[in-house]
PDB file of N, CA and C in Angstrom:
ATOM      1  N   MET A   1      -2.172 -11.067  -8.376  1.00  0.00           N
ATOM      2  CA  MET A   1      -2.182 -10.759  -6.964  1.00  0.00           C
ATOM      3  C   MET A   1      -3.401  -9.903  -6.609  1.00  0.00           C
ATOM      4  N   LEU A   2      -3.731  -8.943  -7.465  1.00  0.00           N
ATOM      5  CA  LEU A   2      -4.870  -8.073  -7.165  1.00  0.00           C
ATOM      6  C   LEU A   2      -6.191  -8.834  -7.162  1.00  0.00           C
ATOM      7  N   ALA A   3      -6.317  -9.845  -8.024  1.00  0.00           N
ATOM      8  CA  ALA A   3      -7.541 -10.651  -8.038  1.00  0.00           C
ATOM      9  C   ALA A   3      -7.678 -11.427  -6.731  1.00  0.00           C
ATOM     10  N   ALA A   4      -6.579 -11.994  -6.254  1.00  0.00           N
ATOM     11  CA  ALA A   4      -6.605 -12.732  -4.985  1.00  0.00           C
ATOM     12  C   ALA A   4      -6.883 -11.780  -3.825  1.00  0.00           C
ATOM     13  N   PHE A   5      -6.299 -10.594  -3.877  1.00  0.00           N
ATOM     14  CA  PHE A   5      -6.547  -9.593  -2.845  1.00  0.00           C
ATOM     15  C   PHE A   5      -8.022  -9.200  -2.824  1.00  0.00           C
ATOM     16  N   LYS A   6      -8.600  -9.021  -4.006  1.00  0.00           N
ATOM     17  CA  LYS A   6     -10.016  -8.651  -4.094  1.00  0.00           C
ATOM     18  C   LYS A   6     -10.892  -9.739  -3.478  1.00  0.00           C
ATOM     19  N   GLU A   7     -10.625 -10.997  -3.805  1.00  0.00           N
ATOM     20  CA  GLU A   7     -11.387 -12.107  -3.223  1.00  0.00           C
ATOM     21  C   GLU A   7     -11.249 -12.121  -1.711  1.00  0.00           C
ATOM     22  N   TYR A   8     -10.031 -11.895  -1.218  1.00  0.00           N
ATOM     23  CA  TYR A   8      -9.758 -11.861   0.217  1.00  0.00           C
ATOM     24  C   TYR A   8     -10.564 -10.754   0.897  1.00  0.00           C
ATOM     25  N   THR A   9     -10.580  -9.566   0.300  1.00  0.00           N
ATOM     26  CA  THR A   9     -11.288  -8.453   0.938  1.00  0.00           C
ATOM     27  C   THR A   9     -12.799  -8.663   0.940  1.00  0.00           C
ATOM     28  N   ILE A  10     -13.291  -9.383  -0.042  1.00  0.00           N
ATOM     29  CA  ILE A  10     -14.724  -9.684  -0.073  1.00  0.00           C
ATOM     30  C   ILE A  10     -15.055 -10.769   0.943  1.00  0.00           C
ATOM     31  N   ALA A  11     -14.324 -11.886   0.877  1.00  0.00           N
ATOM     32  CA  ALA A  11     -14.640 -13.055   1.701  1.00  0.00           C
ATOM     33  C   ALA A  11     -14.265 -12.875   3.172  1.00  0.00           C
ATOM     34  N   VAL A  12     -13.081 -12.356   3.433  1.00  0.00           N
ATOM     35  CA  VAL A  12     -12.578 -12.294   4.808  1.00  0.00           C
ATOM     36  C   VAL A  12     -12.911 -10.971   5.488  1.00  0.00           C
ATOM     37  N   LYS A  13     -12.743  -9.887   4.779  1.00  0.00           N
ATOM     38  CA  LYS A  13     -12.917  -8.571   5.392  1.00  0.00           C
ATOM     39  C   LYS A  13     -14.315  -8.001   5.215  1.00  0.00           C
ATOM     40  N   GLY A  14     -15.058  -8.494   4.240  1.00  0.00           N
ATOM     41  CA  GLY A  14     -16.423  -8.034   4.028  1.00  0.00           C
ATOM     42  C   GLY A  14     -16.541  -6.572   3.630  1.00  0.00           C
ATOM     43  N   LEU A  15     -15.577  -6.079   2.882  1.00  0.00           N
ATOM     44  CA  LEU A  15     -15.602  -4.671   2.468  1.00  0.00           C
ATOM     45  C   LEU A  15     -16.584  -4.455   1.323  1.00  0.00           C
ATOM     46  N   SER A  16     -17.039  -3.233   1.187  1.00  0.00           N
ATOM     47  CA  SER A  16     -17.970  -2.898   0.108  1.00  0.00           C
ATOM     48  C   SER A  16     -17.234  -2.867  -1.228  1.00  0.00           C
ATOM     49  N   GLU A  17     -17.979  -3.002  -2.300  1.00  0.00           N
ATOM     50  CA  GLU A  17     -17.392  -2.991  -3.646  1.00  0.00           C
ATOM     51  C   GLU A  17     -16.672  -1.663  -3.912  1.00  0.00           C
ATOM     52  N   LYS A  18     -17.253  -0.552  -3.485  1.00  0.00           N
ATOM     53  CA  LYS A  18     -16.647   0.763  -3.691  1.00  0.00           C
ATOM     54  C   LYS A  18     -15.301   0.870  -2.962  1.00  0.00           C
ATOM     55  N   THR A  19     -15.258   0.399  -1.733  1.00  0.00           N
ATOM     56  CA  THR A  19     -14.029   0.427  -0.948  1.00  0.00           C
ATOM     57  C   THR A  19     -12.974  -0.472  -1.572  1.00  0.00           C
ATOM     58  N   ILE A  20     -13.380  -1.635  -1.993  1.00  0.00           N
ATOM     59  CA  ILE A  20     -12.442  -2.577  -2.619  1.00  0.00           C
ATOM     60  C   ILE A  20     -11.853  -1.976  -3.887  1.00  0.00           C
ATOM     61  N   GLU A  21     -12.675  -1.351  -4.701  1.00  0.00           N
ATOM     62  CA  GLU A  21     -12.182  -0.749  -5.943  1.00  0.00           C
ATOM     63  C   GLU A  21     -11.189   0.369  -5.665  1.00  0.00           C
ATOM     64  N   ARG A  22     -11.423   1.146  -4.619  1.00  0.00           N
ATOM     65  CA  ARG A  22     -10.470   2.197  -4.245  1.00  0.00           C
ATOM     66  C   ARG A  22      -9.133   1.580  -3.840  1.00  0.00           C
ATOM     67  N   HIS A  23      -9.181   0.492  -3.053  1.00  0.00           N
ATOM     68  CA  HIS A  23      -7.951  -0.188  -2.655  1.00  0.00           C
ATOM     69  C   HIS A  23      -7.233  -0.766  -3.876  1.00  0.00           C
ATOM     70  N   ILE A  24      -7.980  -1.374  -4.776  1.00  0.00           N
ATOM     71  CA  ILE A  24      -7.390  -1.961  -5.978  1.00  0.00           C
ATOM     72  C   ILE A  24      -6.711  -0.875  -6.816  1.00  0.00           C
ATOM     73  N   GLU A  25      -7.347   0.266  -6.962  1.00  0.00           N
ATOM     74  CA  GLU A  25      -6.764   1.371  -7.727  1.00  0.00           C
ATOM     75  C   GLU A  25      -5.454   1.843  -7.092  1.00  0.00           C
ATOM     76  N   ASN A  26      -5.450   2.011  -5.774  1.00  0.00           N
ATOM     77  CA  ASN A  26      -4.229   2.419  -5.067  1.00  0.00           C
ATOM     78  C   ASN A  26      -3.132   1.370  -5.215  1.00  0.00           C
ATOM     79  N   LEU A  27      -3.505   0.117  -5.065  1.00  0.00           N
ATOM     80  CA  LEU A  27      -2.516  -0.952  -5.122  1.00  0.00           C
ATOM     81  C   LEU A  27      -1.990  -1.172  -6.530  1.00  0.00           C
ATOM     82  N   ASP A  28      -2.832  -0.969  -7.525  1.00  0.00           N
ATOM     83  CA  ASP A  28      -2.381  -1.086  -8.906  1.00  0.00           C
ATOM     84  C   ASP A  28      -1.282  -0.054  -9.170  1.00  0.00           C
ATOM     85  N   TYR A  29      -1.476   1.159  -8.706  1.00  0.00           N
ATOM     86  CA  TYR A  29      -0.482   2.224  -8.859  1.00  0.00           C
ATOM     87  C   TYR A  29       0.821   1.840  -8.155  1.00  0.00           C
ATOM     88  N   TYR A  30       0.715   1.335  -6.936  1.00  0.00           N
ATOM     89  CA  TYR A  30       1.884   0.930  -6.152  1.00  0.00           C
ATOM     90  C   TYR A  30       2.610  -0.251  -6.805  1.00  0.00           C
ATOM     91  N   LEU A  31       1.863  -1.301  -7.123  1.00  0.00           N
ATOM     92  CA  LEU A  31       2.477  -2.522  -7.643  1.00  0.00           C
ATOM     93  C   LEU A  31       3.001  -2.364  -9.066  1.00  0.00           C
ATOM     94  N   ASN A  32       2.189  -1.822  -9.941  1.00  0.00           N
ATOM     95  CA  ASN A  32       2.520  -1.834 -11.364  1.00  0.00           C
ATOM     96  C   ASN A  32       3.272  -0.608 -11.858  1.00  0.00           C
ATOM     97  N   ILE A  33       3.167   0.494 -11.158  1.00  0.00           N
ATOM     98  CA  ILE A  33       3.923   1.671 -11.561  1.00  0.00           C
ATOM     99  C   ILE A  33       5.186   1.796 -10.704  1.00  0.00           C
ATOM    100  N   TYR A  34       4.991   1.849  -9.398  1.00  0.00           N
ATOM    101  CA  TYR A  34       6.145   2.091  -8.525  1.00  0.00           C
ATOM    102  C   TYR A  34       7.063   0.876  -8.401  1.00  0.00           C
ATOM    103  N   LEU A  35       6.535  -0.241  -7.939  1.00  0.00           N
ATOM    104  CA  LEU A  35       7.413  -1.386  -7.691  1.00  0.00           C
ATOM    105  C   LEU A  35       8.063  -1.913  -8.962  1.00  0.00           C
ATOM    106  N   ILE A  36       7.290  -2.107 -10.008  1.00  0.00           N
ATOM    107  CA  ILE A  36       7.840  -2.694 -11.229  1.00  0.00           C
ATOM    108  C   ILE A  36       8.736  -1.702 -11.959  1.00  0.00           C
ATOM    109  N   GLU A  37       8.262  -0.480 -12.156  1.00  0.00           N
ATOM    110  CA  GLU A  37       8.995   0.502 -12.957  1.00  0.00           C
ATOM    111  C   GLU A  37      10.181   1.132 -12.220  1.00  0.00           C
ATOM    112  N   TYR A  38      10.004   1.475 -10.951  1.00  0.00           N
ATOM    113  CA  TYR A  38      11.035   2.224 -10.241  1.00  0.00           C
ATOM    114  C   TYR A  38      11.894   1.363  -9.319  1.00  0.00           C
ATOM    115  N   GLU A  39      11.284   0.529  -8.534  1.00  0.00           N
ATOM    116  CA  GLU A  39      12.029  -0.277  -7.566  1.00  0.00           C
ATOM    117  C   GLU A  39      12.518  -1.601  -8.157  1.00  0.00           C
ATOM    118  N   GLN A  40      11.812  -2.075  -9.164  1.00  0.00           N
ATOM    119  CA  GLN A  40      12.074  -3.402  -9.733  1.00  0.00           C
ATOM    120  C   GLN A  40      12.125  -4.442  -8.613  1.00  0.00           C
ATOM    121  N   ALA A  41      11.040  -4.440  -7.849  1.00  0.00           N
ATOM    122  CA  ALA A  41      10.922  -5.306  -6.684  1.00  0.00           C
ATOM    123  C   ALA A  41       9.504  -5.850  -6.600  1.00  0.00           C
ATOM    124  N   THR A  42       9.280  -6.697  -5.613  1.00  0.00           N
ATOM    125  CA  THR A  42       7.937  -7.195  -5.323  1.00  0.00           C
ATOM    126  C   THR A  42       7.586  -6.765  -3.904  1.00  0.00           C
ATOM    127  N   PRO A  43       6.313  -6.777  -3.552  1.00  0.00           N
ATOM    128  CA  PRO A  43       5.964  -6.394  -2.176  1.00  0.00           C
ATOM    129  C   PRO A  43       6.487  -7.398  -1.151  1.00  0.00           C
ATOM    130  N   ILE A  44       6.802  -8.591  -1.603  1.00  0.00           N
ATOM    131  CA  ILE A  44       7.272  -9.637  -0.696  1.00  0.00           C
ATOM    132  C   ILE A  44       8.734  -9.441  -0.329  1.00  0.00           C
ATOM    133  N   ASN A  45       9.540  -8.951  -1.251  1.00  0.00           N
ATOM    134  CA  ASN A  45      10.972  -8.847  -0.969  1.00  0.00           C
ATOM    135  C   ASN A  45      11.450  -7.433  -0.645  1.00  0.00           C
ATOM    136  N   SER A  46      10.538  -6.519  -0.462  1.00  0.00           N
ATOM    137  CA  SER A  46      10.956  -5.147  -0.178  1.00  0.00           C
ATOM    138  C   SER A  46       9.926  -4.431   0.695  1.00  0.00           C
ATOM    139  N   THR A  47      10.029  -4.619   1.977  1.00  0.00           N
ATOM    140  CA  THR A  47       9.074  -3.977   2.880  1.00  0.00           C
ATOM    141  C   THR A  47       9.307  -2.473   2.987  1.00  0.00           C
ATOM    142  N   GLU A  48      10.525  -2.009   2.764  1.00  0.00           N
ATOM    143  CA  GLU A  48      10.813  -0.572   2.832  1.00  0.00           C
ATOM    144  C   GLU A  48      10.168   0.198   1.681  1.00  0.00           C
ATOM    145  N   SER A  49       9.860  -0.503   0.599  1.00  0.00           N
ATOM    146  CA  SER A  49       9.291   0.162  -0.579  1.00  0.00           C
ATOM    147  C   SER A  49       7.982   0.861  -0.277  1.00  0.00           C
ATOM    148  N   ALA A  50       7.170   0.299   0.592  1.00  0.00           N
ATOM    149  CA  ALA A  50       5.876   0.909   0.910  1.00  0.00           C
ATOM    150  C   ALA A  50       6.067   2.303   1.496  1.00  0.00           C
ATOM    151  N   GLY A  51       6.992   2.437   2.416  1.00  0.00           N
ATOM    152  CA  GLY A  51       7.254   3.734   3.017  1.00  0.00           C
ATOM    153  C   GLY A  51       7.843   4.718   2.033  1.00  0.00           C
ATOM    154  N   ASN A  52       8.805   4.253   1.239  1.00  0.00           N
ATOM    155  CA  ASN A  52       9.420   5.125   0.228  1.00  0.00           C
ATOM    156  C   ASN A  52       8.382   5.601  -0.778  1.00  0.00           C
ATOM    157  N   PHE A  53       7.492   4.723  -1.143  1.00  0.00           N
ATOM    158  CA  PHE A  53       6.427   5.072  -2.078  1.00  0.00           C
ATOM    159  C   PHE A  53       5.561   6.188  -1.517  1.00  0.00           C
ATOM    160  N   LEU A  54       5.142   6.048  -0.269  1.00  0.00           N
ATOM    161  CA  LEU A  54       4.226   7.019   0.329  1.00  0.00           C
ATOM    162  C   LEU A  54       4.874   8.380   0.568  1.00  0.00           C
ATOM    163  N   SER A  55       6.072   8.385   1.133  1.00  0.00           N
ATOM    164  CA  SER A  55       6.671   9.664   1.522  1.00  0.00           C
ATOM    165  C   SER A  55       7.373  10.377   0.375  1.00  0.00           C
ATOM    166  N   ASN A  56       7.707   9.655  -0.671  1.00  0.00           N
ATOM    167  CA  ASN A  56       8.426  10.288  -1.777  1.00  0.00           C
ATOM    168  C   ASN A  56       7.639  10.233  -3.086  1.00  0.00           C
ATOM    169  N   PHE A  57       7.526   9.058  -3.636  1.00  0.00           N
ATOM    170  CA  PHE A  57       6.957   8.899  -4.976  1.00  0.00           C
ATOM    171  C   PHE A  57       5.520   9.399  -5.052  1.00  0.00           C
ATOM    172  N   PHE A  58       4.672   8.967  -4.154  1.00  0.00           N
ATOM    173  CA  PHE A  58       3.254   9.318  -4.209  1.00  0.00           C
ATOM    174  C   PHE A  58       3.036  10.828  -4.136  1.00  0.00           C
ATOM    175  N   VAL A  59       3.707  11.471  -3.204  1.00  0.00           N
ATOM    176  CA  VAL A  59       3.474  12.905  -3.028  1.00  0.00           C
ATOM    177  C   VAL A  59       4.146  13.747  -4.108  1.00  0.00           C
ATOM    178  N   GLU A  60       5.202  13.241  -4.726  1.00  0.00           N
ATOM    179  CA  GLU A  60       5.914  14.020  -5.736  1.00  0.00           C
ATOM    180  C   GLU A  60       5.444  13.744  -7.157  1.00  0.00           C
ATOM    181  N   LYS A  61       5.032  12.524  -7.458  1.00  0.00           N
ATOM    182  CA  LYS A  61       4.689  12.143  -8.831  1.00  0.00           C
ATOM    183  C   LYS A  61       3.185  12.129  -9.115  1.00  0.00           C
ATOM    184  N   ASN A  62       2.376  12.000  -8.094  1.00  0.00           N
ATOM    185  CA  ASN A  62       0.938  11.921  -8.277  1.00  0.00           C
ATOM    186  C   ASN A  62       0.355  13.328  -8.169  1.00  0.00           C
ATOM    187  N   LEU A  63      -0.063  13.870  -9.296  1.00  0.00           N
ATOM    188  CA  LEU A  63      -0.562  15.248  -9.314  1.00  0.00           C
ATOM    189  C   LEU A  63      -1.828  15.436  -8.489  1.00  0.00           C
ATOM    190  N   ALA A  64      -2.558  14.359  -8.280  1.00  0.00           N
ATOM    191  CA  ALA A  64      -3.805  14.436  -7.517  1.00  0.00           C
ATOM    192  C   ALA A  64      -3.600  14.091  -6.045  1.00  0.00           C
ATOM    193  N   SER A  65      -2.344  14.049  -5.591  1.00  0.00           N
ATOM    194  CA  SER A  65      -2.105  13.660  -4.202  1.00  0.00           C
ATOM    195  C   SER A  65      -2.579  14.743  -3.239  1.00  0.00           C
ATOM    196  N   SER A  66      -3.151  14.266  -2.160  1.00  0.00           N
ATOM    197  CA  SER A  66      -3.606  15.130  -1.075  1.00  0.00           C
ATOM    198  C   SER A  66      -3.393  14.363   0.217  1.00  0.00           C
ATOM    199  N   SER A  67      -3.576  15.016   1.326  1.00  0.00           N
ATOM    200  CA  SER A  67      -3.442  14.324   2.606  1.00  0.00           C
ATOM    201  C   SER A  67      -4.423  13.163   2.692  1.00  0.00           C
ATOM    202  N   ALA A  68      -5.646  13.384   2.237  1.00  0.00           N
ATOM    203  CA  ALA A  68      -6.668  12.333   2.298  1.00  0.00           C
ATOM    204  C   ALA A  68      -6.306  11.159   1.391  1.00  0.00           C
ATOM    205  N   SER A  69      -5.866  11.436   0.167  1.00  0.00           N
ATOM    206  CA  SER A  69      -5.526  10.334  -0.752  1.00  0.00           C
ATOM    207  C   SER A  69      -4.293   9.583  -0.271  1.00  0.00           C
ATOM    208  N   LEU A  70      -3.359  10.286   0.354  1.00  0.00           N
ATOM    209  CA  LEU A  70      -2.177   9.638   0.918  1.00  0.00           C
ATOM    210  C   LEU A  70      -2.563   8.692   2.052  1.00  0.00           C
ATOM    211  N   LYS A  71      -3.446   9.137   2.925  1.00  0.00           N
ATOM    212  CA  LYS A  71      -3.907   8.292   4.033  1.00  0.00           C
ATOM    213  C   LYS A  71      -4.665   7.078   3.508  1.00  0.00           C
ATOM    214  N   GLN A  72      -5.492   7.283   2.471  1.00  0.00           N
ATOM    215  CA  GLN A  72      -6.218   6.157   1.867  1.00  0.00           C
ATOM    216  C   GLN A  72      -5.249   5.149   1.259  1.00  0.00           C
ATOM    217  N   CYS A  73      -4.227   5.657   0.600  1.00  0.00           N
ATOM    218  CA  CYS A  73      -3.239   4.765   0.000  1.00  0.00           C
ATOM    219  C   CYS A  73      -2.483   3.993   1.089  1.00  0.00           C
ATOM    220  N   GLY A  74      -2.162   4.652   2.174  1.00  0.00           N
ATOM    221  CA  GLY A  74      -1.516   3.969   3.301  1.00  0.00           C
ATOM    222  C   GLY A  74      -2.394   2.853   3.841  1.00  0.00           C
ATOM    223  N   SER A  75      -3.689   3.110   3.937  1.00  0.00           N
ATOM    224  CA  SER A  75      -4.638   2.091   4.380  1.00  0.00           C
ATOM    225  C   SER A  75      -4.664   0.908   3.416  1.00  0.00           C
ATOM    226  N   SER A  76      -4.636   1.201   2.133  1.00  0.00           N
ATOM    227  CA  SER A  76      -4.628   0.137   1.122  1.00  0.00           C
ATOM    228  C   SER A  76      -3.374  -0.726   1.253  1.00  0.00           C
ATOM    229  N   LEU A  77      -2.239  -0.071   1.470  1.00  0.00           N
ATOM    230  CA  LEU A  77      -0.989  -0.823   1.614  1.00  0.00           C
ATOM    231  C   LEU A  77      -1.000  -1.691   2.864  1.00  0.00           C
ATOM    232  N   LYS A  78      -1.550  -1.174   3.956  1.00  0.00           N
ATOM    233  CA  LYS A  78      -1.651  -1.989   5.177  1.00  0.00           C
ATOM    234  C   LYS A  78      -2.502  -3.231   4.917  1.00  0.00           C
ATOM    235  N   LYS A  79      -3.588  -3.070   4.187  1.00  0.00           N
ATOM    236  CA  LYS A  79      -4.445  -4.215   3.874  1.00  0.00           C
ATOM    237  C   LYS A  79      -3.741  -5.210   2.969  1.00  0.00           C
ATOM    238  N   LEU A  80      -2.964  -4.723   2.010  1.00  0.00           N
ATOM    239  CA  LEU A  80      -2.202  -5.607   1.132  1.00  0.00           C
ATOM    240  C   LEU A  80      -1.213  -6.442   1.935  1.00  0.00           C
ATOM    241  N   TYR A  81      -0.462  -5.794   2.805  1.00  0.00           N
ATOM    242  CA  TYR A  81       0.546  -6.525   3.565  1.00  0.00           C
ATOM    243  C   TYR A  81      -0.076  -7.454   4.612  1.00  0.00           C
ATOM    244  N   GLN A  82      -1.239  -7.096   5.140  1.00  0.00           N
ATOM    245  CA  GLN A  82      -1.968  -8.015   6.021  1.00  0.00           C
ATOM    246  C   GLN A  82      -2.391  -9.252   5.237  1.00  0.00           C
ATOM    247  N   PHE A  83      -2.861  -9.050   4.017  1.00  0.00           N
ATOM    248  CA  PHE A  83      -3.226 -10.151   3.122  1.00  0.00           C
ATOM    249  C   PHE A  83      -2.008 -11.046   2.860  1.00  0.00           C
ATOM    250  N   LEU A  84      -0.865 -10.444   2.569  1.00  0.00           N
ATOM    251  CA  LEU A  84       0.350 -11.228   2.309  1.00  0.00           C
ATOM    252  C   LEU A  84       0.787 -12.005   3.542  1.00  0.00           C
ATOM    253  N   TYR A  85       0.623 -11.410   4.714  1.00  0.00           N
ATOM    254  CA  TYR A  85       0.950 -12.113   5.959  1.00  0.00           C
ATOM    255  C   TYR A  85       0.019 -13.304   6.163  1.00  0.00           C
ATOM    256  N   GLU A  86      -1.280 -13.084   6.004  1.00  0.00           N
ATOM    257  CA  GLU A  86      -2.244 -14.167   6.201  1.00  0.00           C
ATOM    258  C   GLU A  86      -2.093 -15.270   5.162  1.00  0.00           C
ATOM    259  N   ALA A  87      -1.552 -14.921   3.986  1.00  0.00           N
ATOM    260  CA  ALA A  87      -1.305 -15.915   2.943  1.00  0.00           C
ATOM    261  C   ALA A  87       0.026 -16.636   3.162  1.00  0.00           C
ATOM    262  N   GLY A  88       0.786 -16.241   4.188  1.00  0.00           N
ATOM    263  CA  GLY A  88       2.056 -16.882   4.486  1.00  0.00           C
ATOM    264  C   GLY A  88       3.213 -16.410   3.614  1.00  0.00           C
ATOM    265  N   GLU A  89       3.048 -15.258   2.962  1.00  0.00           N
ATOM    266  CA  GLU A  89       4.085 -14.747   2.059  1.00  0.00           C
ATOM    267  C   GLU A  89       5.118 -13.873   2.765  1.00  0.00           C
ATOM    268  N   ILE A  90       4.721 -13.255   3.865  1.00  0.00           N
ATOM    269  CA  ILE A  90       5.672 -12.469   4.655  1.00  0.00           C
ATOM    270  C   ILE A  90       5.532 -12.867   6.117  1.00  0.00           C
ATOM    271  N   SER A  91       6.569 -12.611   6.887  1.00  0.00           N
ATOM    272  CA  SER A  91       6.571 -12.978   8.308  1.00  0.00           C
ATOM    273  C   SER A  91       5.867 -11.922   9.152  1.00  0.00           C
ATOM    274  N   LYS A  92       5.610 -12.289  10.397  1.00  0.00           N
ATOM    275  CA  LYS A  92       5.003 -11.343  11.339  1.00  0.00           C
ATOM    276  C   LYS A  92       5.939 -10.155  11.570  1.00  0.00           C
ATOM    277  N   THR A  93       7.230 -10.413  11.597  1.00  0.00           N
ATOM    278  CA  THR A  93       8.221  -9.351  11.750  1.00  0.00           C
ATOM    279  C   THR A  93       8.174  -8.400  10.562  1.00  0.00           C
ATOM    280  N   ASP A  94       8.096  -8.960   9.348  1.00  0.00           N
ATOM    281  CA  ASP A  94       7.984  -8.129   8.147  1.00  0.00           C
ATOM    282  C   ASP A  94       6.717  -7.281   8.186  1.00  0.00           C
ATOM    283  N   LEU A  95       5.614  -7.870   8.617  1.00  0.00           N
ATOM    284  CA  LEU A  95       4.346  -7.146   8.706  1.00  0.00           C
ATOM    285  C   LEU A  95       4.465  -5.979   9.678  1.00  0.00           C
ATOM    286  N   ALA A  96       5.040  -6.223  10.846  1.00  0.00           N
ATOM    287  CA  ALA A  96       5.207  -5.145  11.832  1.00  0.00           C
ATOM    288  C   ALA A  96       6.111  -4.046  11.275  1.00  0.00           C
ATOM    289  N   GLU A  97       7.174  -4.453  10.579  1.00  0.00           N
ATOM    290  CA  GLU A  97       8.111  -3.488  10.007  1.00  0.00           C
ATOM    291  C   GLU A  97       7.443  -2.632   8.931  1.00  0.00           C
ATOM    292  N   VAL A  98       6.724  -3.264   8.033  1.00  0.00           N
ATOM    293  CA  VAL A  98       6.090  -2.509   6.948  1.00  0.00           C
ATOM    294  C   VAL A  98       4.994  -1.596   7.488  1.00  0.00           C
ATOM    295  N   ASN A  99       4.260  -2.050   8.493  1.00  0.00           N
ATOM    296  CA  ASN A  99       3.233  -1.188   9.092  1.00  0.00           C
ATOM    297  C   ASN A  99       3.852   0.042   9.738  1.00  0.00           C
ATOM    298  N   GLU A 100       5.012  -0.120  10.344  1.00  0.00           N
ATOM    299  CA  GLU A 100       5.705   1.022  10.947  1.00  0.00           C
ATOM    300  C   GLU A 100       6.194   1.981   9.863  1.00  0.00           C
ATOM    301  N   PHE A 101       6.758   1.438   8.773  1.00  0.00           N
ATOM    302  CA  PHE A 101       7.177   2.285   7.647  1.00  0.00           C
ATOM    303  C   PHE A 101       5.982   3.066   7.103  1.00  0.00           C
ATOM    304  N   ILE A 102       4.862   2.383   6.923  1.00  0.00           N
ATOM    305  CA  ILE A 102       3.670   3.041   6.377  1.00  0.00           C
ATOM    306  C   ILE A 102       3.206   4.162   7.305  1.00  0.00           C
ATOM    307  N   LYS A 103       3.121   3.875   8.585  1.00  0.00           N
ATOM    308  CA  LYS A 103       2.665   4.877   9.556  1.00  0.00           C
ATOM    309  C   LYS A 103       3.564   6.117   9.530  1.00  0.00           C
ATOM    310  N   LEU A 104       4.858   5.915   9.621  1.00  0.00           N
ATOM    311  CA  LEU A 104       5.793   7.036   9.668  1.00  0.00           C
ATOM    312  C   LEU A 104       5.821   7.815   8.354  1.00  0.00           C
ATOM    313  N   ASP A 105       5.768   7.098   7.240  1.00  0.00           N
ATOM    314  CA  ASP A 105       5.884   7.767   5.953  1.00  0.00           C
ATOM    315  C   ASP A 105       4.587   8.435   5.509  1.00  0.00           C
ATOM    316  N   VAL A 106       3.449   7.967   5.993  1.00  0.00           N
ATOM    317  CA  VAL A 106       2.208   8.710   5.762  1.00  0.00           C
ATOM    318  C   VAL A 106       2.296  10.038   6.509  1.00  0.00           C
ATOM    319  N   GLN A 107       2.771   9.999   7.750  1.00  0.00           N
ATOM    320  CA  GLN A 107       2.929  11.235   8.520  1.00  0.00           C
ATOM    321  C   GLN A 107       3.882  12.200   7.816  1.00  0.00           C
ATOM    322  N   GLU A 108       4.998  11.677   7.329  1.00  0.00           N
ATOM    323  CA  GLU A 108       5.975  12.512   6.632  1.00  0.00           C
ATOM    324  C   GLU A 108       5.375  13.099   5.347  1.00  0.00           C
ATOM    325  N   GLY A 109       4.641  12.280   4.611  1.00  0.00           N
ATOM    326  CA  GLY A 109       4.010  12.754   3.392  1.00  0.00           C
ATOM    327  C   GLY A 109       2.967  13.821   3.650  1.00  0.00           C
ATOM    328  N   VAL A 110       2.169  13.647   4.700  1.00  0.00           N
ATOM    329  CA  VAL A 110       1.159  14.650   5.069  1.00  0.00           C
ATOM    330  C   VAL A 110       1.835  15.970   5.423  1.00  0.00           C
ATOM    331  N   GLU A 111       2.920  15.920   6.168  1.00  0.00           N
ATOM    332  CA  GLU A 111       3.659  17.128   6.508  1.00  0.00           C
ATOM    333  C   GLU A 111       4.180  17.810   5.252  1.00  0.00           C
ATOM    334  N   TYR A 112       4.670  17.035   4.320  1.00  0.00           N
ATOM    335  CA  TYR A 112       5.191  17.582   3.062  1.00  0.00           C
ATOM    336  C   TYR A 112       4.077  18.266   2.282  1.00  0.00           C
ATOM    337  N   LEU A 113       2.909  17.621   2.215  1.00  0.00           N
ATOM    338  CA  LEU A 113       1.785  18.169   1.452  1.00  0.00           C
ATOM    339  C   LEU A 113       1.195  19.417   2.109  1.00  0.00           C
ATOM    340  N   ASP A 114       1.250  19.468   3.438  1.00  0.00           N
ATOM    341  CA  ASP A 114       0.694  20.622   4.141  1.00  0.00           C
ATOM    342  C   ASP A 114       1.655  21.775   4.051  1.00  0.00           C
TER     343      ASP A 114
END
């Protein structure tokens, strides 16, 4: 999934290599540590996981978490779910729902960190 996401961000979004690598690093942590190990879910079948990850797991388990890194991770998750929507893997309703979870839980995480 990350390889396809990387191709998408290069071809469709035109992001720089540095930006793409930051997104890949954030998404690797979300997909391979949080979703697989803790949620035992996929990003396609659990839109609430993105919010739970940001407001709870990321701020409590990531020793290097800061308001800036939390916001960057939220941005990475929004791009992932936009990619999944454009690939036909999630519905427009799911995309709107996950974006709302991300927005609210980034705010909650920032408040917790501050």
